[in-house]
């Protein structure tokens, strides 16, 4: 008689470093594949073992790794290697990617008190113009020709000198500026929209759906009508908008398809950036880290809820951060038809950085164009992005593109970005982050580190001391 040997219920894939969700201590973690999903399992000496879902689709997760593009160095570093990652953020010389998107939080104040707010915004202070100037000048030193600055908060439209800040960005030749806003002032104050319109910011609009129940749950009040008014006012001034839905299981994941259909129809909207909820700062009660929405959940929902207008196969990981962080696609709108770009050109072949498969003859011309599109430095509706998309269209034989040039109305971007919280934190993702908080002391701190590792609290305390000293 033989004994049957017990077998574990998972595949042990790799080790990394993560955070204890109870005390925030950096701990060893295992990446496990179980029942077609990917989990982080970690152990804290004080709080024991914890598990969290990081991807609902192990096949997507594993396939994405071949899109890990070599990182680019900044022209200068602001911190040195001391304690080691993640304690030396600034960027330190061991960080693997430069700044694609630089975020400046110009105020801690907000005109809402959302139950879901990673920044825990509310009362606070505005950043001075001198601090903004220092940040921008330092960004020019580290990036030379930075692509994107995102003006954020709190609620940045409350800052009394926002037009001056937008002007400062443009004066320094920074190509794109996005305004991260809840849209309330844009809806209620059309004159304010006219004041900022000459600086051509892309409106990065918090937009959780079309149902009042979604806003009641995530924002504490029904602001659905104000979101629509903000978009209408932006359209009147010729401003582009990207919708930014925060997705929470059991709240608004059933609206994923409706949001994209709405976006395709509204004249101001040039893209959508779906963001599965990050459970940091203020967050909803009773969060289960084993049932969270992950990037492939959104992709599968898009395919189901749009009846295949967008399919999972239309999306590719974005290679400049760690490729498990996000996915992206572009669609061409031509003769009333919506056609995702990957159905016209084999984008996969050009952005595969591991397999090194042989490429078509057009690779020398098309690869840098596709790299520019599948990048956090690409802004939907911008002149540079449209030029790249027109190049792809010409390569695909669309006559209108070569004769007349397709316009913003002919292209649409969809991106899904899963930021990390203490449950899903993975150190290898952090080391490749290219979305950075820009600070007055010259540091550029990776976004997820800023939210999770005490950097935000440190900066807020310093601002409070500085503000008190000015009184």
Protein backbone atom coordinates (compact mmCIF):
# COMPACT_ATOMS: atom_id res chain seq x y z
CA UNK A 1 0.00 0.00 0.00
CA UNK A 2 1.40 3.37 -1.04
CA UNK A 3 0.73 6.74 0.60
CA UNK A 4 -0.43 9.63 -1.55
CA UNK A 5 1.92 12.59 -1.12
CA UNK A 6 0.18 15.86 -0.32
CA UNK A 7 0.53 18.60 -2.96
CA UNK A 8 0.28 22.36 -2.37
CA UNK A 9 -2.70 24.15 -3.90
CA UNK A 10 -0.54 26.75 -5.65
CA UNK A 11 2.46 27.25 -7.90
CA UNK A 12 5.29 29.12 -6.19
CA UNK A 13 6.33 31.68 -8.82
CA UNK A 14 8.82 34.09 -7.23
CA UNK A 15 9.72 36.13 -4.16
CA UNK A 16 9.51 39.89 -3.72
CA UNK A 17 9.11 42.41 -0.92
CA UNK A 18 5.80 43.84 0.23
CA UNK A 19 4.21 45.64 3.19
CA UNK A 20 2.36 44.42 6.23
CA UNK A 21 -1.10 46.00 5.89
CA UNK A 22 -1.30 46.34 9.69
CA UNK A 23 1.95 48.11 10.59
CA UNK A 24 3.49 49.05 7.21
CA UNK A 25 6.70 47.12 7.84
CA UNK A 26 8.55 45.95 4.73
CA UNK A 27 8.36 42.14 4.68
CA UNK A 28 9.27 39.23 2.44
CA UNK A 29 6.49 38.08 0.13
CA UNK A 30 5.74 35.15 -2.14
CA UNK A 31 4.06 35.47 -5.53
CA UNK A 32 1.74 32.48 -5.88
CA UNK A 33 -0.44 31.25 -8.75
CA UNK A 34 -3.62 29.54 -7.62
CA UNK A 35 -6.84 28.72 -9.48
CA UNK A 36 -5.83 30.91 -12.43
CA UNK A 37 -5.14 33.99 -10.31
CA UNK A 38 -2.02 35.59 -8.80
CA UNK A 39 -1.67 36.29 -5.08
CA UNK A 40 0.84 37.93 -2.74
CA UNK A 41 1.45 35.99 0.47
CA UNK A 42 3.53 37.69 3.15
CA UNK A 43 4.46 37.29 6.77
CA UNK A 44 4.93 39.99 9.40
CA UNK A 45 6.68 39.01 12.64
CA UNK A 46 4.06 41.00 14.56
CA UNK A 47 0.86 40.39 12.59
CA UNK A 48 1.34 37.02 10.93
CA UNK A 49 0.48 35.86 7.44
CA UNK A 50 -1.61 37.87 4.98
CA UNK A 51 -2.73 37.23 1.40
CA UNK A 52 -3.97 39.59 -1.30
CA UNK A 53 -5.16 39.16 -4.87
CA UNK A 54 -2.95 41.01 -7.35
CA UNK A 55 -4.27 39.67 -10.67
CA UNK A 56 -7.43 37.73 -11.45
CA UNK A 57 -5.85 36.38 -14.65
CA UNK A 58 -2.54 34.57 -14.23
CA UNK A 59 -2.14 34.18 -17.99
CA UNK A 60 -2.36 37.95 -18.50
CA UNK A 61 0.06 38.54 -15.63
CA UNK A 62 2.69 36.13 -16.94
CA UNK A 63 2.35 37.23 -20.55
CA UNK A 64 2.74 40.89 -19.58
CA UNK A 65 6.29 40.35 -18.32
CA UNK A 66 7.78 40.24 -21.82
CA UNK A 67 6.81 43.91 -22.26
CA UNK A 68 9.29 45.07 -19.63
CA UNK A 69 11.11 47.82 -21.50
CA UNK A 70 14.60 48.90 -20.39
CA UNK A 71 14.32 52.01 -18.23
CA UNK A 72 15.68 55.46 -19.05
CA UNK A 73 17.88 57.36 -16.61
CA UNK A 74 17.07 60.86 -15.36
CA UNK A 75 19.79 63.44 -15.95
CA UNK A 76 20.29 63.83 -12.20
CA UNK A 77 19.36 62.03 -8.99
CA UNK A 78 18.14 63.74 -5.83
CA UNK A 79 18.92 61.10 -3.21
CA UNK A 80 21.62 58.51 -2.64
CA UNK A 81 21.41 54.82 -1.81
CA UNK A 82 21.42 54.47 1.96
CA UNK A 83 18.92 52.18 3.64
CA UNK A 84 17.87 50.65 0.32
CA UNK A 85 14.55 50.52 -1.52
CA UNK A 86 11.95 51.71 -0.62
CA UNK A 87 13.54 54.09 1.92
CA UNK A 88 15.69 56.23 -0.40
CA UNK A 89 13.04 57.60 -2.80
CA UNK A 90 13.87 60.80 -4.49
CA UNK A 91 14.90 59.37 -7.16
CA UNK A 92 17.90 57.34 -6.02
CA UNK A 93 20.45 55.89 -8.51
CA UNK A 94 18.95 52.40 -8.13
CA UNK A 95 15.53 53.46 -9.41
CA UNK A 96 14.89 51.87 -12.79
CA UNK A 97 12.87 54.52 -14.65
CA UNK A 98 12.82 58.28 -15.11
CA UNK A 99 9.77 60.52 -14.68
CA UNK A 100 7.13 60.06 -17.37
CA UNK A 101 4.40 61.88 -15.42
CA UNK A 102 5.33 64.45 -12.78
CA UNK A 103 2.56 65.22 -10.29
CA UNK A 104 2.42 68.50 -8.39
CA UNK A 105 -0.14 68.60 -5.57
CA UNK A 106 -0.70 72.34 -5.37
CA UNK A 107 -3.18 72.18 -2.47
CA UNK A 108 -4.33 69.88 0.32
CA UNK A 109 -7.77 71.50 0.32
CA UNK A 110 -10.81 69.92 -1.26
CA UNK A 111 -14.47 70.88 -1.75
CA UNK A 112 -15.61 67.28 -1.26
CA UNK A 113 -15.14 64.72 1.53
CA UNK A 114 -15.14 61.50 -0.49
CA UNK A 115 -15.26 58.20 1.43
CA UNK A 116 -12.76 57.00 -1.20
CA UNK A 117 -9.72 59.32 -1.25
CA UNK A 118 -6.14 58.01 -1.32
CA UNK A 119 -4.85 61.53 -0.48
CA UNK A 120 -7.13 61.96 2.56
CA UNK A 121 -7.75 65.49 1.28
CA UNK A 122 -9.86 68.08 3.09
CA UNK A 123 -8.46 70.99 5.08
CA UNK A 124 -4.94 72.21 4.48
CA UNK A 125 -2.79 74.73 2.68
CA UNK A 126 -2.06 75.84 -0.86
CA UNK A 127 1.43 75.50 -2.31
CA UNK A 128 3.16 78.80 -2.96
CA UNK A 129 4.11 79.91 -6.47
CA UNK A 130 7.75 79.92 -5.33
CA UNK A 131 7.51 76.23 -4.44
CA UNK A 132 5.85 75.40 -7.77
CA UNK A 133 8.62 77.28 -9.57
CA UNK A 134 11.29 75.32 -7.69
CA UNK A 135 9.59 72.05 -8.59
CA UNK A 136 9.32 72.90 -12.28
CA UNK A 137 12.90 74.13 -12.53
CA UNK A 138 14.17 70.98 -10.85
CA UNK A 139 12.12 68.87 -13.27
CA UNK A 140 13.87 70.61 -16.16
CA UNK A 141 17.21 69.68 -14.58
CA UNK A 142 16.33 66.00 -14.17
CA UNK A 143 14.38 65.51 -17.42
CA UNK A 144 15.62 68.31 -19.76
CA UNK A 145 12.47 68.04 -21.92
CA UNK A 146 9.70 66.70 -19.66
CA UNK A 147 6.54 65.51 -21.39
CA UNK A 148 3.76 65.74 -18.79
CA UNK A 149 3.06 67.62 -15.60
CA UNK A 150 -0.16 66.79 -13.79
CA UNK A 151 -1.57 69.50 -11.53
CA UNK A 152 -3.35 67.79 -8.67
CA UNK A 153 -4.39 68.09 -5.03
CA UNK A 154 -6.64 68.02 -2.99
CA UNK A 155 -8.79 69.85 -5.49
CA UNK A 156 -6.46 72.04 -7.60
CA UNK A 157 -9.20 74.32 -8.91
CA UNK A 158 -9.47 75.76 -5.37
CA UNK A 159 -5.96 77.22 -5.62
CA UNK A 160 -6.37 80.97 -6.17
CA UNK A 161 -3.40 81.13 -8.56
CA UNK A 162 -4.10 78.10 -10.75
CA UNK A 163 -3.97 80.12 -14.02
CA UNK A 164 -0.55 81.43 -12.99
CA UNK A 165 0.63 77.87 -12.30
CA UNK A 166 -0.59 76.68 -15.69
CA UNK A 167 1.26 79.60 -17.28
CA UNK A 168 4.47 78.64 -15.44
CA UNK A 169 4.27 75.13 -16.86
CA UNK A 170 3.77 76.39 -20.40
CA UNK A 171 6.51 79.01 -20.10
CA UNK A 172 9.01 76.24 -19.45
CA UNK A 173 8.16 74.45 -22.66
CA UNK A 174 6.64 71.40 -20.95
CA UNK A 175 4.60 69.76 -23.66
CA UNK A 176 1.46 68.73 -21.78
CA UNK A 177 -0.34 69.70 -18.60
CA UNK A 178 -3.23 67.71 -17.16
CA UNK A 179 -5.61 69.01 -14.50
CA UNK A 180 -6.68 66.32 -12.03
CA UNK A 181 -10.09 67.52 -10.82
CA UNK A 182 -13.44 66.43 -9.44
CA UNK A 183 -15.00 68.90 -11.89
CA UNK A 184 -17.29 70.73 -9.46
CA UNK A 185 -15.85 74.17 -10.16
CA UNK A 186 -15.72 73.46 -13.89
CA UNK A 187 -19.45 72.71 -13.74
CA UNK A 188 -20.46 75.66 -11.59
CA UNK A 189 -18.13 78.35 -12.92
CA UNK A 190 -18.02 78.59 -16.74
CA UNK A 191 -15.98 81.79 -16.49
CA UNK A 192 -13.25 79.87 -14.67
CA UNK A 193 -13.16 77.35 -17.52
CA UNK A 194 -12.67 80.27 -19.92
CA UNK A 195 -9.80 81.58 -17.77
CA UNK A 196 -7.82 78.33 -17.91
CA UNK A 197 -8.71 77.42 -21.52
CA UNK A 198 -5.83 79.42 -23.12
CA UNK A 199 -3.35 77.11 -21.35
CA UNK A 200 -4.96 74.04 -22.96
CA UNK A 201 -4.90 71.70 -19.96
CA UNK A 202 -6.28 68.22 -20.52
CA UNK A 203 -9.07 67.77 -17.97
CA UNK A 204 -8.38 64.59 -16.01
CA UNK A 205 -11.90 64.22 -14.65
CA UNK A 206 -12.92 62.04 -11.72
CA UNK A 207 -15.85 60.17 -13.31
CA UNK A 208 -17.11 57.06 -11.52
CA UNK A 209 -20.07 56.30 -13.75
CA UNK A 210 -23.47 57.52 -14.83
CA UNK A 211 -25.53 56.31 -11.85
CA UNK A 212 -26.20 58.40 -8.77
CA UNK A 213 -25.67 55.33 -6.57
CA UNK A 214 -22.04 55.07 -7.65
CA UNK A 215 -21.35 58.64 -6.57
CA UNK A 216 -23.25 58.26 -3.32
CA UNK A 217 -21.06 55.27 -2.42
CA UNK A 218 -17.68 56.62 -3.54
CA UNK A 219 -18.12 60.41 -3.15
CA UNK A 220 -20.74 60.70 -0.42
CA UNK A 221 -23.13 62.70 -2.62
CA UNK A 222 -24.80 62.54 -6.02
CA UNK A 223 -22.65 64.66 -8.34
CA UNK A 224 -23.47 62.83 -11.58
CA UNK A 225 -25.16 65.86 -13.15
CA UNK A 226 -22.23 68.10 -12.22
CA UNK A 227 -19.81 65.75 -13.98
CA UNK A 228 -21.82 66.04 -17.18
CA UNK A 229 -21.97 69.83 -16.87
CA UNK A 230 -18.21 70.00 -16.34
CA UNK A 231 -17.69 68.07 -19.57
CA UNK A 232 -20.14 70.26 -21.47
CA UNK A 233 -18.42 73.43 -20.24
CA UNK A 234 -15.04 72.00 -21.20
CA UNK A 235 -16.29 71.11 -24.68
CA UNK A 236 -17.55 74.69 -25.20
CA UNK A 237 -14.00 75.96 -24.60
CA UNK A 238 -12.43 73.30 -26.82
CA UNK A 239 -10.76 71.47 -23.93
CA UNK A 240 -10.12 67.73 -24.05
CA UNK A 241 -11.04 65.46 -21.16
CA UNK A 242 -9.98 62.02 -19.97
CA UNK A 243 -12.50 60.24 -17.76
CA UNK A 244 -11.02 58.65 -14.62
CA UNK A 245 -13.35 56.10 -13.00
CA UNK A 246 -12.38 54.60 -9.65
CA UNK A 247 -13.73 51.04 -9.69
CA UNK A 248 -14.89 49.20 -6.58
CA UNK A 249 -16.36 45.72 -6.57
CA UNK A 250 -20.05 45.74 -5.79
CA UNK A 251 -20.34 49.47 -6.51
CA UNK A 252 -19.71 50.40 -10.13
CA UNK A 253 -17.98 47.57 -12.02
CA UNK A 254 -21.26 47.07 -13.93
CA UNK A 255 -20.79 50.56 -15.48
CA UNK A 256 -17.45 49.88 -17.19
CA UNK A 257 -19.05 49.40 -20.62
CA UNK A 258 -21.50 52.28 -20.21
CA UNK A 259 -18.64 54.65 -19.38
CA UNK A 260 -16.77 53.86 -22.58
CA UNK A 261 -19.93 54.20 -24.69
CA UNK A 262 -20.59 57.58 -23.11
CA UNK A 263 -17.00 58.68 -23.68
CA UNK A 264 -17.08 57.74 -27.35
CA UNK A 265 -20.11 60.01 -27.84
CA UNK A 266 -19.15 63.11 -25.83
CA UNK A 267 -17.24 65.76 -27.83
CA UNK A 268 -14.83 66.63 -25.01
CA UNK A 269 -13.77 63.08 -24.15
CA UNK A 270 -10.66 61.68 -25.85
CA UNK A 271 -9.97 58.77 -23.52
CA UNK A 272 -10.62 56.87 -20.32
CA UNK A 273 -8.26 55.83 -17.55
CA UNK A 274 -9.95 53.15 -15.45
CA UNK A 275 -8.41 52.81 -12.00
CA UNK A 276 -9.24 49.86 -9.74
CA UNK A 277 -9.55 51.29 -6.25
CA UNK A 278 -6.41 51.93 -4.23
CA UNK A 279 -7.16 51.27 -0.58
CA UNK A 280 -5.03 53.99 0.96
CA UNK A 281 -5.91 57.20 2.79
CA UNK A 282 -9.69 57.25 3.28
CA UNK A 283 -11.26 54.13 1.82
CA UNK A 284 -14.50 52.21 2.02
CA UNK A 285 -15.13 50.00 5.03
CA UNK A 286 -15.05 46.20 4.89
CA UNK A 287 -12.51 45.97 2.08
CA UNK A 288 -11.59 42.37 1.23
CA UNK A 289 -8.09 42.19 -0.36
CA UNK A 290 -8.97 38.81 -1.87
CA UNK A 291 -11.92 40.22 -3.85
CA UNK A 292 -10.51 43.45 -5.24
CA UNK A 293 -10.86 44.50 -8.89
CA UNK A 294 -7.60 44.03 -10.81
CA UNK A 295 -6.45 45.17 -14.25
CA UNK A 296 -7.59 42.04 -16.17
CA UNK A 297 -11.00 42.21 -14.45
CA UNK A 298 -11.54 45.54 -16.18
CA UNK A 299 -10.37 44.19 -19.54
CA UNK A 300 -12.73 41.21 -19.35
CA UNK A 301 -15.59 43.49 -18.29
CA UNK A 302 -14.93 45.77 -21.25
CA UNK A 303 -15.19 42.83 -23.63
CA UNK A 304 -18.41 41.56 -22.04
CA UNK A 305 -20.14 44.88 -21.45
CA UNK A 306 -19.35 46.35 -24.88
CA UNK A 307 -20.33 43.14 -26.73
CA UNK A 308 -16.80 42.83 -28.08
CA UNK A 309 -16.41 46.43 -29.25
CA UNK A 310 -13.22 46.21 -27.17
CA UNK A 311 -11.68 42.82 -26.43
CA UNK A 312 -9.03 41.69 -24.00
CA UNK A 313 -6.77 40.97 -26.97
CA UNK A 314 -6.95 44.65 -27.98
CA UNK A 315 -4.95 45.68 -24.90
CA UNK A 316 -1.23 45.48 -24.25
CA UNK A 317 0.72 46.22 -21.08
CA UNK A 318 2.40 49.63 -20.95
CA UNK A 319 6.16 48.90 -21.04
CA UNK A 320 7.67 51.99 -19.36
CA UNK A 321 6.49 51.18 -15.81
CA UNK A 322 6.46 47.58 -14.63
CA UNK A 323 4.20 45.92 -17.22
CA UNK A 324 1.86 44.34 -14.67
CA UNK A 325 0.81 47.86 -13.57
CA UNK A 326 -1.32 48.82 -16.54
CA UNK A 327 -2.80 48.07 -19.96
CA UNK A 328 -3.65 50.33 -22.87
CA UNK A 329 -5.18 50.46 -26.31
CA UNK A 330 -6.16 53.03 -28.92
CA UNK A 331 -9.14 52.90 -31.24
CA UNK A 332 -9.53 54.50 -34.63
CA UNK A 333 -12.96 55.96 -35.35
CA UNK A 334 -13.35 55.96 -39.12
CA UNK A 335 -16.55 56.03 -41.19
CA UNK A 336 -18.57 55.44 -38.03
CA UNK A 337 -16.61 52.30 -37.10
CA UNK A 338 -14.59 51.89 -33.90
CA UNK A 339 -11.50 49.77 -34.61
CA UNK A 340 -8.81 49.13 -31.98
CA UNK A 341 -5.32 49.71 -33.40
CA UNK A 342 -4.04 46.20 -32.48
CA UNK A 343 -6.55 44.76 -34.97
CA UNK A 344 -4.81 46.73 -37.73
CA UNK A 345 -1.16 46.22 -36.80
CA UNK A 346 0.64 43.53 -34.81
CA UNK A 347 1.59 45.79 -31.91
CA UNK A 348 2.66 42.78 -29.87
CA UNK A 349 5.57 42.06 -32.21
CA UNK A 350 6.99 45.55 -31.82
CA UNK A 351 6.69 45.83 -28.03
CA UNK A 352 7.98 42.37 -27.10
CA UNK A 353 11.28 43.14 -25.35
CA UNK A 354 12.10 39.57 -24.31
CA UNK A 355 11.30 37.11 -27.08
CA UNK A 356 13.22 39.08 -29.75
CA UNK A 357 11.12 37.62 -32.52
CA UNK A 358 11.88 38.79 -36.07
CA UNK A 359 9.99 41.94 -36.99
CA UNK A 360 8.44 43.11 -40.25
CA UNK A 361 10.43 45.41 -42.50
CA UNK A 362 8.57 48.43 -41.13
CA UNK A 363 9.95 47.85 -37.61
CA UNK A 364 12.58 50.58 -37.83
CA UNK A 365 9.87 53.15 -38.60
CA UNK A 366 6.90 51.79 -36.70
CA UNK A 367 8.48 50.55 -33.46
CA UNK A 368 9.38 54.00 -32.05
CA UNK A 369 5.92 55.26 -32.99
CA UNK A 370 4.21 52.43 -31.10
CA UNK A 371 6.61 52.86 -28.17
CA UNK A 372 5.57 56.50 -27.99
CA UNK A 373 1.90 55.52 -27.92
CA UNK A 374 2.20 52.71 -25.36
CA UNK A 375 3.81 55.03 -22.84
CA UNK A 376 2.65 57.05 -19.84
CA UNK A 377 4.13 60.04 -21.64
CA UNK A 378 1.38 59.81 -24.28
CA UNK A 379 -1.59 62.15 -23.80
CA UNK A 380 -4.82 61.35 -25.59
CA UNK A 381 -5.83 64.13 -27.97
CA UNK A 382 -2.42 65.79 -28.01
CA UNK A 383 -0.69 66.85 -31.22
CA UNK A 384 2.17 64.40 -30.66
CA UNK A 385 -0.12 61.44 -29.95
CA UNK A 386 -2.34 62.23 -32.93
CA UNK A 387 0.71 62.45 -35.20
CA UNK A 388 1.82 59.01 -34.01
CA UNK A 389 -1.64 57.56 -34.56
CA UNK A 390 -1.78 59.10 -38.02
CA UNK A 391 1.53 57.39 -38.83
CA UNK A 392 0.04 54.06 -37.80
CA UNK A 393 -3.09 54.78 -39.83
CA UNK A 394 -1.02 55.55 -42.91
CA UNK A 395 0.92 52.35 -42.42
CA UNK A 396 -2.37 50.48 -42.32
CA UNK A 397 -3.42 51.92 -45.67
CA UNK A 398 -6.20 54.25 -44.50
CA UNK A 399 -6.37 56.80 -47.29
CA UNK A 400 -7.91 59.63 -45.26
CA UNK A 401 -4.96 59.66 -42.89
CA UNK A 402 -2.39 60.18 -45.62
CA UNK A 403 -4.44 62.76 -47.55
CA UNK A 404 -5.99 64.91 -44.85
CA UNK A 405 -4.76 63.77 -41.43
CA UNK A 406 -7.17 62.27 -38.95
CA UNK A 407 -8.14 64.58 -36.10
CA UNK A 408 -8.67 64.14 -32.38
CA UNK A 409 -12.24 63.01 -33.01
CA UNK A 410 -10.89 60.02 -34.94
CA UNK A 411 -8.92 58.48 -32.06
CA UNK A 412 -9.78 57.24 -28.59
CA UNK A 413 -7.54 55.90 -25.81
CA UNK A 414 -8.44 53.44 -23.08
CA UNK A 415 -6.02 52.76 -20.26
CA UNK A 416 -6.34 50.68 -17.09
CA UNK A 417 -3.93 51.41 -14.24
CA UNK A 418 -3.80 49.50 -10.99
CA UNK A 419 -1.98 51.54 -8.34
CA UNK A 420 -0.73 49.66 -5.28
CA UNK A 421 -1.83 49.76 -1.65
CA UNK A 422 -0.33 48.01 1.37
CA UNK A 423 -2.12 44.77 0.44
CA UNK A 424 -0.89 44.61 -3.17
CA UNK A 425 2.46 46.41 -2.73
CA UNK A 426 5.24 44.73 -4.74
CA UNK A 427 8.75 46.17 -4.54
CA UNK A 428 9.72 45.17 -8.07
CA UNK A 429 6.82 47.25 -9.41
CA UNK A 430 7.86 50.24 -7.33
CA UNK A 431 11.44 50.23 -8.65
CA UNK A 432 10.13 50.70 -12.22
CA UNK A 433 7.50 53.35 -11.40
CA UNK A 434 7.49 56.36 -13.74
CA UNK A 435 4.61 58.34 -12.14
CA UNK A 436 6.28 60.56 -9.57
CA UNK A 437 5.21 63.11 -6.98
CA UNK A 438 7.38 66.22 -7.42
CA UNK A 439 8.33 67.93 -4.16
CA UNK A 440 9.66 71.44 -3.38
CA UNK A 441 12.91 70.01 -1.98
CA UNK A 442 13.78 68.57 -5.39
CA UNK A 443 12.75 64.97 -4.82
CA UNK A 444 10.60 62.91 -7.19
CA UNK A 445 8.91 60.15 -5.19
CA UNK A 446 7.18 57.21 -6.92
CA UNK A 447 3.43 57.66 -6.53
CA UNK A 448 2.68 54.44 -4.63
CA UNK A 449 5.60 54.99 -2.28
CA UNK A 450 4.34 58.52 -1.60
CA UNK A 451 0.93 57.19 -0.55
CA UNK A 452 2.08 54.17 1.46
CA UNK A 453 5.49 54.76 3.05
CA UNK A 454 5.04 57.95 5.03
CA UNK A 455 6.30 60.41 2.41
CA UNK A 456 2.90 62.10 2.07
CA UNK A 457 2.59 62.56 5.85
CA UNK A 458 6.16 63.89 6.03
CA UNK A 459 5.52 66.50 3.33
CA UNK A 460 2.22 67.51 4.88
CA UNK A 461 3.87 68.10 8.27
CA UNK A 462 6.60 70.19 6.62
CA UNK A 463 3.97 72.27 4.81
CA UNK A 464 2.04 72.87 8.04
CA UNK A 465 5.20 74.07 9.78
CA UNK A 466 6.09 76.32 6.85
CA UNK A 467 2.58 77.74 6.67
CA UNK A 468 2.53 78.43 10.42
CA UNK A 469 5.88 80.25 10.13
CA UNK A 470 4.48 82.55 7.42
CA UNK A 471 1.64 83.79 9.62
